[in-house]
Amino acid sequence: ENTYFEKLGVNKEEYYYFIISAKEDLDQLFELMRYSNFNRMKLNEKGL
C-alpha cells in the first residue's frame, strides 16, 4: 500500500523499475526483491 513504482525501460530482456517505498513496507519489499532476483543498481553519478 505504501510503495510506488514505475517501469523505466528494457535492456536485454531485463525490465528496469524505479521504486519508492515507506519504511513500513520495506521488509515485504526486500522479500519480494529477493524472491524476484531484483538487481539493484548502484551508481555514483549525480544528477539525472
ModelCIF file with pLDDT and N, C-alpha, C, O atoms, coordinates in Angstrom:
data_MODEL
#
_entry.id   MODEL 
#
_entity.id                         1 
_entity.type                       polymer 
_entity.pdbx_number_of_molecules   1 
#
_entity_poly.entity_id                      1 
_entity_poly.type                           'polypeptide(L)' 
_entity_poly.nstd_linkage                   no 
_entity_poly.nstd_monomer                   no 
_entity_poly.pdbx_seq_one_letter_code       ENTYFEKLGVNKEEYYYFIISAKEDLDQLFELMRYSNFNRMKLNEKGL 
_entity_poly.pdbx_seq_one_letter_code_can   ENTYFEKLGVNKEEYYYFIISAKEDLDQLFELMRYSNFNRMKLNEKGL 
_entity_poly.pdbx_strand_id                 A 
#
loop_
_entity_poly_seq.entity_id 
_entity_poly_seq.num 
_entity_poly_seq.mon_id 
_entity_poly_seq.hetero 
1 1  GLU n 
1 2  ASN n 
1 3  THR n 
1 4  TYR n 
1 5  PHE n 
1 6  GLU n 
1 7  LYS n 
1 8  LEU n 
1 9  GLY n 
1 10 VAL n 
1 11 ASN n 
1 12 LYS n 
1 13 GLU n 
1 14 GLU n 
1 15 TYR n 
1 16 TYR n 
1 17 TYR n 
1 18 PHE n 
1 19 ILE n 
1 20 ILE n 
1 21 SER n 
1 22 ALA n 
1 23 LYS n 
1 24 GLU n 
1 25 ASP n 
1 26 LEU n 
1 27 ASP n 
1 28 GLN n 
1 29 LEU n 
1 30 PHE n 
1 31 GLU n 
1 32 LEU n 
1 33 MET n 
1 34 ARG n 
1 35 TYR n 
1 36 SER n 
1 37 ASN n 
1 38 PHE n 
1 39 ASN n 
1 40 ARG n 
1 41 MET n 
1 42 LYS n 
1 43 LEU n 
1 44 ASN n 
1 45 GLU n 
1 46 LYS n 
1 47 GLY n 
1 48 LEU n 
#
_struct_asym.id          A 
_struct_asym.entity_id   1 
#
loop_
_ma_qa_metric.id 
_ma_qa_metric.mode 
_ma_qa_metric.name 
_ma_qa_metric.software_group_id 
_ma_qa_metric.type 
1 global pLDDT . pLDDT 
2 local  pLDDT . pLDDT 
#
_ma_qa_metric_global.metric_id      1 
_ma_qa_metric_global.metric_value   85.79 
_ma_qa_metric_global.model_id       1 
_ma_qa_metric_global.ordinal_id     1 
#
loop_
_ma_qa_metric_local.label_asym_id 
_ma_qa_metric_local.label_comp_id 
_ma_qa_metric_local.label_seq_id 
_ma_qa_metric_local.metric_id 
_ma_qa_metric_local.metric_value 
_ma_qa_metric_local.model_id 
_ma_qa_metric_local.ordinal_id 
A GLU 1  2 86.00 1 1  
A ASN 2  2 88.00 1 2  
A THR 3  2 89.00 1 3  
A TYR 4  2 89.00 1 4  
A PHE 5  2 90.00 1 5  
A GLU 6  2 87.00 1 6  
A LYS 7  2 88.00 1 7  
A LEU 8  2 87.00 1 8  
A GLY 9  2 85.00 1 9  
A VAL 10 2 86.00 1 10 
A ASN 11 2 83.00 1 11 
A LYS 12 2 80.00 1 12 
A GLU 13 2 83.00 1 13 
A GLU 14 2 88.00 1 14 
A TYR 15 2 90.00 1 15 
A TYR 16 2 90.00 1 16 
A TYR 17 2 89.00 1 17 
A PHE 18 2 89.00 1 18 
A ILE 19 2 88.00 1 19 
A ILE 20 2 89.00 1 20 
A SER 21 2 89.00 1 21 
A ALA 22 2 88.00 1 22 
A LYS 23 2 84.00 1 23 
A GLU 24 2 85.00 1 24 
A ASP 25 2 87.00 1 25 
A LEU 26 2 88.00 1 26 
A ASP 27 2 88.00 1 27 
A GLN 28 2 89.00 1 28 
A LEU 29 2 89.00 1 29 
A PHE 30 2 89.00 1 30 
A GLU 31 2 90.00 1 31 
A LEU 32 2 90.00 1 32 
A MET 33 2 90.00 1 33 
A ARG 34 2 89.00 1 34 
A TYR 35 2 88.00 1 35 
A SER 36 2 89.00 1 36 
A ASN 37 2 90.00 1 37 
A PHE 38 2 89.00 1 38 
A ASN 39 2 88.00 1 39 
A ARG 40 2 86.00 1 40 
A MET 41 2 82.00 1 41 
A LYS 42 2 76.00 1 42 
A LEU 43 2 67.00 1 43 
A ASN 44 2 69.00 1 44 
A GLU 45 2 69.00 1 45 
A LYS 46 2 79.00 1 46 
A GLY 47 2 81.00 1 47 
A LEU 48 2 86.00 1 48 
#
loop_
_atom_site.group_PDB 
_atom_site.id 
_atom_site.type_symbol 
_atom_site.label_atom_id 
_atom_site.label_alt_id 
_atom_site.label_comp_id 
_atom_site.label_asym_id 
_atom_site.label_entity_id 
_atom_site.label_seq_id 
_atom_site.pdbx_PDB_ins_code 
_atom_site.Cartn_x 
_atom_site.Cartn_y 
_atom_site.Cartn_z 
_atom_site.occupancy 
_atom_site.B_iso_or_equiv 
_atom_site.pdbx_formal_charge 
_atom_site.auth_seq_id 
_atom_site.auth_comp_id 
_atom_site.auth_asym_id 
_atom_site.auth_atom_id 
_atom_site.pdbx_PDB_model_num 
ATOM 1   N N  . GLU A 1 1  ? 0.816  -1.212  0.000   1.00 86.00 ? 1  GLU A N  1 
ATOM 2   C CA . GLU A 1 1  ? 0.000  0.000   0.000   1.00 86.00 ? 1  GLU A CA 1 
ATOM 3   C C  . GLU A 1 1  ? 0.854  1.270   0.000   1.00 86.00 ? 1  GLU A C  1 
ATOM 4   O O  . GLU A 1 1  ? 0.446  2.283   -0.569  1.00 86.00 ? 1  GLU A O  1 
ATOM 5   N N  . ASN A 1 2  ? 2.017  1.231   0.620   1.00 88.00 ? 2  ASN A N  1 
ATOM 6   C CA . ASN A 1 2  ? 2.848  2.438   0.760   1.00 88.00 ? 2  ASN A CA 1 
ATOM 7   C C  . ASN A 1 2  ? 4.077  2.388   -0.156  1.00 88.00 ? 2  ASN A C  1 
ATOM 8   O O  . ASN A 1 2  ? 5.137  2.908   0.192   1.00 88.00 ? 2  ASN A O  1 
ATOM 9   N N  . THR A 1 3  ? 3.929  1.765   -1.317  1.00 89.00 ? 3  THR A N  1 
ATOM 10  C CA . THR A 1 3  ? 5.034  1.641   -2.286  1.00 89.00 ? 3  THR A CA 1 
ATOM 11  C C  . THR A 1 3  ? 4.554  2.092   -3.657  1.00 89.00 ? 3  THR A C  1 
ATOM 12  O O  . THR A 1 3  ? 3.460  1.751   -4.106  1.00 89.00 ? 3  THR A O  1 
ATOM 13  N N  . TYR A 1 4  ? 5.418  2.875   -4.307  1.00 89.00 ? 4  TYR A N  1 
ATOM 14  C CA . TYR A 1 4  ? 5.121  3.366   -5.655  1.00 89.00 ? 4  TYR A CA 1 
ATOM 15  C C  . TYR A 1 4  ? 6.229  2.878   -6.588  1.00 89.00 ? 4  TYR A C  1 
ATOM 16  O O  . TYR A 1 4  ? 7.400  2.850   -6.210  1.00 89.00 ? 4  TYR A O  1 
ATOM 17  N N  . PHE A 1 5  ? 5.843  2.486   -7.831  1.00 90.00 ? 5  PHE A N  1 
ATOM 18  C CA . PHE A 1 5  ? 6.877  2.029   -8.777  1.00 90.00 ? 5  PHE A CA 1 
ATOM 19  C C  . PHE A 1 5  ? 6.544  2.489   -10.195 1.00 90.00 ? 5  PHE A C  1 
ATOM 20  O O  . PHE A 1 5  ? 5.384  2.707   -10.545 1.00 90.00 ? 5  PHE A O  1 
ATOM 21  N N  . GLU A 1 6  ? 7.585  2.627   -10.988 1.00 87.00 ? 6  GLU A N  1 
ATOM 22  C CA . GLU A 1 6  ? 7.457  2.950   -12.414 1.00 87.00 ? 6  GLU A CA 1 
ATOM 23  C C  . GLU A 1 6  ? 8.340  2.013   -13.218 1.00 87.00 ? 6  GLU A C  1 
ATOM 24  O O  . GLU A 1 6  ? 9.460  1.705   -12.810 1.00 87.00 ? 6  GLU A O  1 
ATOM 25  N N  . LYS A 1 7  ? 7.835  1.555   -14.366 1.00 88.00 ? 7  LYS A N  1 
ATOM 26  C CA . LYS A 1 7  ? 8.661  0.763   -15.295 1.00 88.00 ? 7  LYS A CA 1 
ATOM 27  C C  . LYS A 1 7  ? 9.402  1.752   -16.196 1.00 88.00 ? 7  LYS A C  1 
ATOM 28  O O  . LYS A 1 7  ? 8.781  2.542   -16.908 1.00 88.00 ? 7  LYS A O  1 
ATOM 29  N N  . LEU A 1 8  ? 10.740 1.701   -16.156 1.00 87.00 ? 8  LEU A N  1 
ATOM 30  C CA . LEU A 1 8  ? 11.548 2.714   -16.854 1.00 87.00 ? 8  LEU A CA 1 
ATOM 31  C C  . LEU A 1 8  ? 11.971 2.289   -18.260 1.00 87.00 ? 8  LEU A C  1 
ATOM 32  O O  . LEU A 1 8  ? 11.959 3.122   -19.165 1.00 87.00 ? 8  LEU A O  1 
ATOM 33  N N  . GLY A 1 9  ? 12.339 1.040   -18.475 1.00 85.00 ? 9  GLY A N  1 
ATOM 34  C CA . GLY A 1 9  ? 12.823 0.612   -19.779 1.00 85.00 ? 9  GLY A CA 1 
ATOM 35  C C  . GLY A 1 9  ? 13.248 -0.843  -19.765 1.00 85.00 ? 9  GLY A C  1 
ATOM 36  O O  . GLY A 1 9  ? 13.153 -1.523  -18.742 1.00 85.00 ? 9  GLY A O  1 
ATOM 37  N N  . VAL A 1 10 ? 13.717 -1.312  -20.909 1.00 86.00 ? 10 VAL A N  1 
ATOM 38  C CA . VAL A 1 10 ? 14.114 -2.718  -21.077 1.00 86.00 ? 10 VAL A CA 1 
ATOM 39  C C  . VAL A 1 10 ? 15.509 -2.767  -21.689 1.00 86.00 ? 10 VAL A C  1 
ATOM 40  O O  . VAL A 1 10 ? 15.838 -1.983  -22.579 1.00 86.00 ? 10 VAL A O  1 
ATOM 41  N N  . ASN A 1 11 ? 16.320 -3.696  -21.200 1.00 83.00 ? 11 ASN A N  1 
ATOM 42  C CA . ASN A 1 11 ? 17.649 -3.911  -21.772 1.00 83.00 ? 11 ASN A CA 1 
ATOM 43  C C  . ASN A 1 11 ? 17.996 -5.394  -21.656 1.00 83.00 ? 11 ASN A C  1 
ATOM 44  O O  . ASN A 1 11 ? 18.148 -5.933  -20.560 1.00 83.00 ? 11 ASN A O  1 
ATOM 45  N N  . LYS A 1 12 ? 18.117 -6.045  -22.830 1.00 80.00 ? 12 LYS A N  1 
ATOM 46  C CA . LYS A 1 12 ? 18.499 -7.465  -22.861 1.00 80.00 ? 12 LYS A CA 1 
ATOM 47  C C  . LYS A 1 12 ? 17.566 -8.316  -21.999 1.00 80.00 ? 12 LYS A C  1 
ATOM 48  O O  . LYS A 1 12 ? 18.021 -9.093  -21.159 1.00 80.00 ? 12 LYS A O  1 
ATOM 49  N N  . GLU A 1 13 ? 16.270 -8.163  -22.213 1.00 83.00 ? 13 GLU A N  1 
ATOM 50  C CA . GLU A 1 13 ? 15.238 -8.948  -21.548 1.00 83.00 ? 13 GLU A CA 1 
ATOM 51  C C  . GLU A 1 13 ? 15.183 -8.706  -20.045 1.00 83.00 ? 13 GLU A C  1 
ATOM 52  O O  . GLU A 1 13 ? 14.621 -9.509  -19.300 1.00 83.00 ? 13 GLU A O  1 
ATOM 53  N N  . GLU A 1 14 ? 15.765 -7.606  -19.606 1.00 88.00 ? 14 GLU A N  1 
ATOM 54  C CA . GLU A 1 14 ? 15.631 -7.210  -18.210 1.00 88.00 ? 14 GLU A CA 1 
ATOM 55  C C  . GLU A 1 14 ? 14.819 -5.915  -18.152 1.00 88.00 ? 14 GLU A C  1 
ATOM 56  O O  . GLU A 1 14 ? 15.061 -4.985  -18.922 1.00 88.00 ? 14 GLU A O  1 
ATOM 57  N N  . TYR A 1 15 ? 13.875 -5.866  -17.249 1.00 90.00 ? 15 TYR A N  1 
ATOM 58  C CA . TYR A 1 15 ? 12.983 -4.720  -17.112 1.00 90.00 ? 15 TYR A CA 1 
ATOM 59  C C  . TYR A 1 15 ? 13.429 -3.885  -15.903 1.00 90.00 ? 15 TYR A C  1 
ATOM 60  O O  . TYR A 1 15 ? 13.614 -4.412  -14.806 1.00 90.00 ? 15 TYR A O  1 
ATOM 61  N N  . TYR A 1 16 ? 13.599 -2.573  -16.124 1.00 90.00 ? 16 TYR A N  1 
ATOM 62  C CA . TYR A 1 16 ? 14.107 -1.678  -15.090 1.00 90.00 ? 16 TYR A CA 1 
ATOM 63  C C  . TYR A 1 16 ? 12.937 -0.932  -14.424 1.00 90.00 ? 16 TYR A C  1 
ATOM 64  O O  . TYR A 1 16 ? 11.980 -0.516  -15.077 1.00 90.00 ? 16 TYR A O  1 
ATOM 65  N N  . TYR A 1 17 ? 13.059 -0.784  -13.094 1.00 89.00 ? 17 TYR A N  1 
ATOM 66  C CA . TYR A 1 17 ? 11.998 -0.146  -12.301 1.00 89.00 ? 17 TYR A CA 1 
ATOM 67  C C  . TYR A 1 17 ? 12.592 0.925   -11.394 1.00 89.00 ? 17 TYR A C  1 
ATOM 68  O O  . TYR A 1 17 ? 13.720 0.822   -10.912 1.00 89.00 ? 17 TYR A O  1 
ATOM 69  N N  . PHE A 1 18 ? 11.763 1.975   -11.182 1.00 89.00 ? 18 PHE A N  1 
ATOM 70  C CA . PHE A 1 18 ? 12.027 2.955   -10.116 1.00 89.00 ? 18 PHE A CA 1 
ATOM 71  C C  . PHE A 1 18 ? 11.012 2.684   -9.020  1.00 89.00 ? 18 PHE A C  1 
ATOM 72  O O  . PHE A 1 18 ? 9.810  2.647   -9.282  1.00 89.00 ? 18 PHE A O  1 
ATOM 73  N N  . ILE A 1 19 ? 11.490 2.494   -7.783  1.00 88.00 ? 19 ILE A N  1 
ATOM 74  C CA . ILE A 1 19 ? 10.612 2.151   -6.657  1.00 88.00 ? 19 ILE A CA 1 
ATOM 75  C C  . ILE A 1 19 ? 10.871 3.129   -5.520  1.00 88.00 ? 19 ILE A C  1 
ATOM 76  O O  . ILE A 1 19 ? 12.022 3.423   -5.195  1.00 88.00 ? 19 ILE A O  1 
ATOM 77  N N  . ILE A 1 20 ? 9.774  3.643   -4.904  1.00 89.00 ? 20 ILE A N  1 
ATOM 78  C CA . ILE A 1 20 ? 9.860  4.449   -3.694  1.00 89.00 ? 20 ILE A CA 1 
ATOM 79  C C  . ILE A 1 20 ? 8.900  3.837   -2.688  1.00 89.00 ? 20 ILE A C  1 
ATOM 80  O O  . ILE A 1 20 ? 7.730  3.599   -2.989  1.00 89.00 ? 20 ILE A O  1 
ATOM 81  N N  . SER A 1 21 ? 9.412  3.586   -1.488  1.00 89.00 ? 21 SER A N  1 
ATOM 82  C CA . SER A 1 21 ? 8.634  2.820   -0.518  1.00 89.00 ? 21 SER A CA 1 
ATOM 83  C C  . SER A 1 21 ? 8.793  3.410   0.878   1.00 89.00 ? 21 SER A C  1 
ATOM 84  O O  . SER A 1 21 ? 9.870  3.858   1.271   1.00 89.00 ? 21 SER A O  1 
ATOM 85  N N  . ALA A 1 22 ? 7.671  3.394   1.620   1.00 88.00 ? 22 ALA A N  1 
ATOM 86  C CA . ALA A 1 22 ? 7.713  3.825   3.015   1.00 88.00 ? 22 ALA A CA 1 
ATOM 87  C C  . ALA A 1 22 ? 8.405  2.762   3.866   1.00 88.00 ? 22 ALA A C  1 
ATOM 88  O O  . ALA A 1 22 ? 8.522  1.602   3.471   1.00 88.00 ? 22 ALA A O  1 
ATOM 89  N N  . LYS A 1 23 ? 8.862  3.197   5.055   1.00 84.00 ? 23 LYS A N  1 
ATOM 90  C CA . LYS A 1 23 ? 9.641  2.296   5.900   1.00 84.00 ? 23 LYS A CA 1 
ATOM 91  C C  . LYS A 1 23 ? 8.863  1.036   6.278   1.00 84.00 ? 23 LYS A C  1 
ATOM 92  O O  . LYS A 1 23 ? 9.437  -0.049  6.366   1.00 84.00 ? 23 LYS A O  1 
ATOM 93  N N  . GLU A 1 24 ? 7.522  1.186   6.507   1.00 85.00 ? 24 GLU A N  1 
ATOM 94  C CA . GLU A 1 24 ? 6.747  0.039   6.974   1.00 85.00 ? 24 GLU A CA 1 
ATOM 95  C C  . GLU A 1 24 ? 6.605  -1.062  5.931   1.00 85.00 ? 24 GLU A C  1 
ATOM 96  O O  . GLU A 1 24 ? 6.275  -2.198  6.269   1.00 85.00 ? 24 GLU A O  1 
ATOM 97  N N  . ASP A 1 25 ? 6.858  -0.725  4.636   1.00 87.00 ? 25 ASP A N  1 
ATOM 98  C CA . ASP A 1 25 ? 6.757  -1.755  3.576   1.00 87.00 ? 25 ASP A CA 1 
ATOM 99  C C  . ASP A 1 25 ? 8.102  -2.408  3.247   1.00 87.00 ? 25 ASP A C  1 
ATOM 100 O O  . ASP A 1 25 ? 8.165  -3.337  2.441   1.00 87.00 ? 25 ASP A O  1 
ATOM 101 N N  . LEU A 1 26 ? 9.163  -1.924  3.866   1.00 88.00 ? 26 LEU A N  1 
ATOM 102 C CA . LEU A 1 26 ? 10.499 -2.355  3.432   1.00 88.00 ? 26 LEU A CA 1 
ATOM 103 C C  . LEU A 1 26 ? 10.725 -3.850  3.602   1.00 88.00 ? 26 LEU A C  1 
ATOM 104 O O  . LEU A 1 26 ? 11.297 -4.490  2.719   1.00 88.00 ? 26 LEU A O  1 
ATOM 105 N N  . ASP A 1 27 ? 10.289 -4.412  4.713   1.00 88.00 ? 27 ASP A N  1 
ATOM 106 C CA . ASP A 1 27 ? 10.525 -5.849  4.923   1.00 88.00 ? 27 ASP A CA 1 
ATOM 107 C C  . ASP A 1 27 ? 9.867  -6.684  3.839   1.00 88.00 ? 27 ASP A C  1 
ATOM 108 O O  . ASP A 1 27 ? 10.476 -7.604  3.294   1.00 88.00 ? 27 ASP A O  1 
ATOM 109 N N  . GLN A 1 28 ? 8.619  -6.357  3.529   1.00 89.00 ? 28 GLN A N  1 
ATOM 110 C CA . GLN A 1 28 ? 7.906  -7.094  2.477   1.00 89.00 ? 28 GLN A CA 1 
ATOM 111 C C  . GLN A 1 28 ? 8.539  -6.844  1.106   1.00 89.00 ? 28 GLN A C  1 
ATOM 112 O O  . GLN A 1 28 ? 8.641  -7.746  0.275   1.00 89.00 ? 28 GLN A O  1 
ATOM 113 N N  . LEU A 1 29 ? 8.963  -5.583  0.892   1.00 89.00 ? 29 LEU A N  1 
ATOM 114 C CA . LEU A 1 29 ? 9.593  -5.234  -0.389  1.00 89.00 ? 29 LEU A CA 1 
ATOM 115 C C  . LEU A 1 29 ? 10.901 -6.009  -0.587  1.00 89.00 ? 29 LEU A C  1 
ATOM 116 O O  . LEU A 1 29 ? 11.156 -6.548  -1.664  1.00 89.00 ? 29 LEU A O  1 
ATOM 117 N N  . PHE A 1 30 ? 11.717 -6.057  0.454   1.00 89.00 ? 30 PHE A N  1 
ATOM 118 C CA . PHE A 1 30 ? 13.004 -6.765  0.339   1.00 89.00 ? 30 PHE A CA 1 
ATOM 119 C C  . PHE A 1 30 ? 12.784 -8.262  0.099   1.00 89.00 ? 30 PHE A C  1 
ATOM 120 O O  . PHE A 1 30 ? 13.541 -8.899  -0.632  1.00 89.00 ? 30 PHE A O  1 
ATOM 121 N N  . GLU A 1 31 ? 11.742 -8.812  0.722   1.00 90.00 ? 31 GLU A N  1 
ATOM 122 C CA . GLU A 1 31 ? 11.443 -10.222 0.496   1.00 90.00 ? 31 GLU A CA 1 
ATOM 123 C C  . GLU A 1 31 ? 11.018 -10.455 -0.954  1.00 90.00 ? 31 GLU A C  1 
ATOM 124 O O  . GLU A 1 31 ? 11.417 -11.439 -1.577  1.00 90.00 ? 31 GLU A O  1 
ATOM 125 N N  . LEU A 1 32 ? 10.206 -9.542  -1.480  1.00 90.00 ? 32 LEU A N  1 
ATOM 126 C CA . LEU A 1 32 ? 9.784  -9.632  -2.886  1.00 90.00 ? 32 LEU A CA 1 
ATOM 127 C C  . LEU A 1 32 ? 10.979 -9.495  -3.814  1.00 90.00 ? 32 LEU A C  1 
ATOM 128 O O  . LEU A 1 32 ? 11.100 -10.225 -4.798  1.00 90.00 ? 32 LEU A O  1 
ATOM 129 N N  . MET A 1 33 ? 11.855 -8.562  -3.497  1.00 90.00 ? 33 MET A N  1 
ATOM 130 C CA . MET A 1 33 ? 13.057 -8.352  -4.332  1.00 90.00 ? 33 MET A CA 1 
ATOM 131 C C  . MET A 1 33 ? 13.945 -9.605  -4.326  1.00 90.00 ? 33 MET A C  1 
ATOM 132 O O  . MET A 1 33 ? 14.493 -9.996  -5.357  1.00 90.00 ? 33 MET A O  1 
ATOM 133 N N  . ARG A 1 34 ? 14.074 -10.218 -3.158  1.00 89.00 ? 34 ARG A N  1 
ATOM 134 C CA . ARG A 1 34 ? 14.898 -11.430 -3.075  1.00 89.00 ? 34 ARG A CA 1 
ATOM 135 C C  . ARG A 1 34 ? 14.281 -12.559 -3.894  1.00 89.00 ? 34 ARG A C  1 
ATOM 136 O O  . ARG A 1 34 ? 14.976 -13.268 -4.622  1.00 89.00 ? 34 ARG A O  1 
ATOM 137 N N  . TYR A 1 35 ? 12.983 -12.713 -3.765  1.00 88.00 ? 35 TYR A N  1 
ATOM 138 C CA . TYR A 1 35 ? 12.290 -13.776 -4.498  1.00 88.00 ? 35 TYR A CA 1 
ATOM 139 C C  . TYR A 1 35 ? 12.355 -13.548 -6.008  1.00 88.00 ? 35 TYR A C  1 
ATOM 140 O O  . TYR A 1 35 ? 12.434 -14.508 -6.775  1.00 88.00 ? 35 TYR A O  1 
ATOM 141 N N  . SER A 1 36 ? 12.323 -12.267 -6.447  1.00 89.00 ? 36 SER A N  1 
ATOM 142 C CA . SER A 1 36 ? 12.294 -11.927 -7.880  1.00 89.00 ? 36 SER A CA 1 
ATOM 143 C C  . SER A 1 36 ? 13.684 -11.678 -8.458  1.00 89.00 ? 36 SER A C  1 
ATOM 144 O O  . SER A 1 36 ? 13.803 -11.264 -9.612  1.00 89.00 ? 36 SER A O  1 
ATOM 145 N N  . ASN A 1 37 ? 14.744 -11.924 -7.672  1.00 90.00 ? 37 ASN A N  1 
ATOM 146 C CA . ASN A 1 37 ? 16.126 -11.676 -8.120  1.00 90.00 ? 37 ASN A CA 1 
ATOM 147 C C  . ASN A 1 37 ? 16.281 -10.249 -8.634  1.00 90.00 ? 37 ASN A C  1 
ATOM 148 O O  . ASN A 1 37 ? 16.841 -10.012 -9.704  1.00 90.00 ? 37 ASN A O  1 
ATOM 149 N N  . PHE A 1 38 ? 15.777 -9.317  -7.853  1.00 89.00 ? 38 PHE A N  1 
ATOM 150 C CA . PHE A 1 38 ? 15.868 -7.908  -8.222  1.00 89.00 ? 38 PHE A CA 1 
ATOM 151 C C  . PHE A 1 38 ? 17.328 -7.456  -8.152  1.00 89.00 ? 38 PHE A C  1 
ATOM 152 O O  . PHE A 1 38 ? 17.978 -7.575  -7.113  1.00 89.00 ? 38 PHE A O  1 
ATOM 153 N N  . ASN A 1 39 ? 17.832 -6.935  -9.274  1.00 88.00 ? 39 ASN A N  1 
ATOM 154 C CA . ASN A 1 39 ? 19.229 -6.491  -9.372  1.00 88.00 ? 39 ASN A CA 1 
ATOM 155 C C  . ASN A 1 39 ? 19.276 -4.982  -9.181  1.00 88.00 ? 39 ASN A C  1 
ATOM 156 O O  . ASN A 1 39 ? 18.991 -4.215  -10.101 1.00 88.00 ? 39 ASN A O  1 
ATOM 157 N N  . ARG A 1 40 ? 19.640 -4.574  -7.976  1.00 86.00 ? 40 ARG A N  1 
ATOM 158 C CA . ARG A 1 40 ? 19.617 -3.147  -7.636  1.00 86.00 ? 40 ARG A CA 1 
ATOM 159 C C  . ARG A 1 40 ? 20.842 -2.436  -8.203  1.00 86.00 ? 40 ARG A C  1 
ATOM 160 O O  . ARG A 1 40 ? 21.973 -2.894  -8.040  1.00 86.00 ? 40 ARG A O  1 
ATOM 161 N N  . MET A 1 41 ? 20.599 -1.313  -8.870  1.00 82.00 ? 41 MET A N  1 
ATOM 162 C CA . MET A 1 41 ? 21.683 -0.528  -9.464  1.00 82.00 ? 41 MET A CA 1 
ATOM 163 C C  . MET A 1 41 ? 22.339 0.337   -8.400  1.00 82.00 ? 41 MET A C  1 
ATOM 164 O O  . MET A 1 41 ? 21.669 0.955   -7.573  1.00 82.00 ? 41 MET A O  1 
ATOM 165 N N  . LYS A 1 42 ? 23.673 0.365   -8.442  1.00 76.00 ? 42 LYS A N  1 
ATOM 166 C CA . LYS A 1 42 ? 24.427 1.235   -7.541  1.00 76.00 ? 42 LYS A CA 1 
ATOM 167 C C  . LYS A 1 42 ? 25.299 2.152   -8.390  1.00 76.00 ? 42 LYS A C  1 
ATOM 168 O O  . LYS A 1 42 ? 26.359 1.743   -8.865  1.00 76.00 ? 42 LYS A O  1 
ATOM 169 N N  . LEU A 1 43 ? 24.864 3.363   -8.575  1.00 67.00 ? 43 LEU A N  1 
ATOM 170 C CA . LEU A 1 43 ? 25.583 4.328   -9.397  1.00 67.00 ? 43 LEU A CA 1 
ATOM 171 C C  . LEU A 1 43 ? 25.984 5.532   -8.558  1.00 67.00 ? 43 LEU A C  1 
ATOM 172 O O  . LEU A 1 43 ? 25.214 6.023   -7.733  1.00 67.00 ? 43 LEU A O  1 
ATOM 173 N N  . ASN A 1 44 ? 27.188 5.986   -8.785  1.00 69.00 ? 44 ASN A N  1 
ATOM 174 C CA . ASN A 1 44 ? 27.691 7.138   -8.046  1.00 69.00 ? 44 ASN A CA 1 
ATOM 175 C C  . ASN A 1 44 ? 27.476 8.455   -8.796  1.00 69.00 ? 44 ASN A C  1 
ATOM 176 O O  . ASN A 1 44 ? 27.883 9.521   -8.333  1.00 69.00 ? 44 ASN A O  1 
ATOM 177 N N  . GLU A 1 45 ? 26.827 8.360   -9.968  1.00 69.00 ? 45 GLU A N  1 
ATOM 178 C CA . GLU A 1 45 ? 26.607 9.558   -10.767 1.00 69.00 ? 45 GLU A CA 1 
ATOM 179 C C  . GLU A 1 45 ? 25.587 10.475  -10.088 1.00 69.00 ? 45 GLU A C  1 
ATOM 180 O O  . GLU A 1 45 ? 24.599 10.017  -9.513  1.00 69.00 ? 45 GLU A O  1 
ATOM 181 N N  . LYS A 1 46 ? 25.848 11.756  -10.168 1.00 79.00 ? 46 LYS A N  1 
ATOM 182 C CA . LYS A 1 46 ? 24.916 12.744  -9.639  1.00 79.00 ? 46 LYS A CA 1 
ATOM 183 C C  . LYS A 1 46 ? 24.079 13.302  -10.787 1.00 79.00 ? 46 LYS A C  1 
ATOM 184 O O  . LYS A 1 46 ? 24.508 13.283  -11.941 1.00 79.00 ? 46 LYS A O  1 
ATOM 185 N N  . GLY A 1 47 ? 22.889 13.798  -10.468 1.00 81.00 ? 47 GLY A N  1 
ATOM 186 C CA . GLY A 1 47 ? 22.033 14.380  -11.490 1.00 81.00 ? 47 GLY A CA 1 
ATOM 187 C C  . GLY A 1 47 ? 21.186 13.333  -12.182 1.00 81.00 ? 47 GLY A C  1 
ATOM 188 O O  . GLY A 1 47 ? 21.179 12.157  -11.818 1.00 81.00 ? 47 GLY A O  1 
ATOM 189 N N  . LEU A 1 48 ? 20.464 13.809  -13.208 1.00 86.00 ? 48 LEU A N  1 
ATOM 190 C CA . LEU A 1 48 ? 19.560 12.934  -13.953 1.00 86.00 ? 48 LEU A CA 1 
ATOM 191 C C  . LEU A 1 48 ? 20.340 12.010  -14.880 1.00 86.00 ? 48 LEU A C  1 
ATOM 192 O O  . LEU A 1 48 ? 19.744 11.199  -15.590 1.00 86.00 ? 48 LEU A O  1 
#
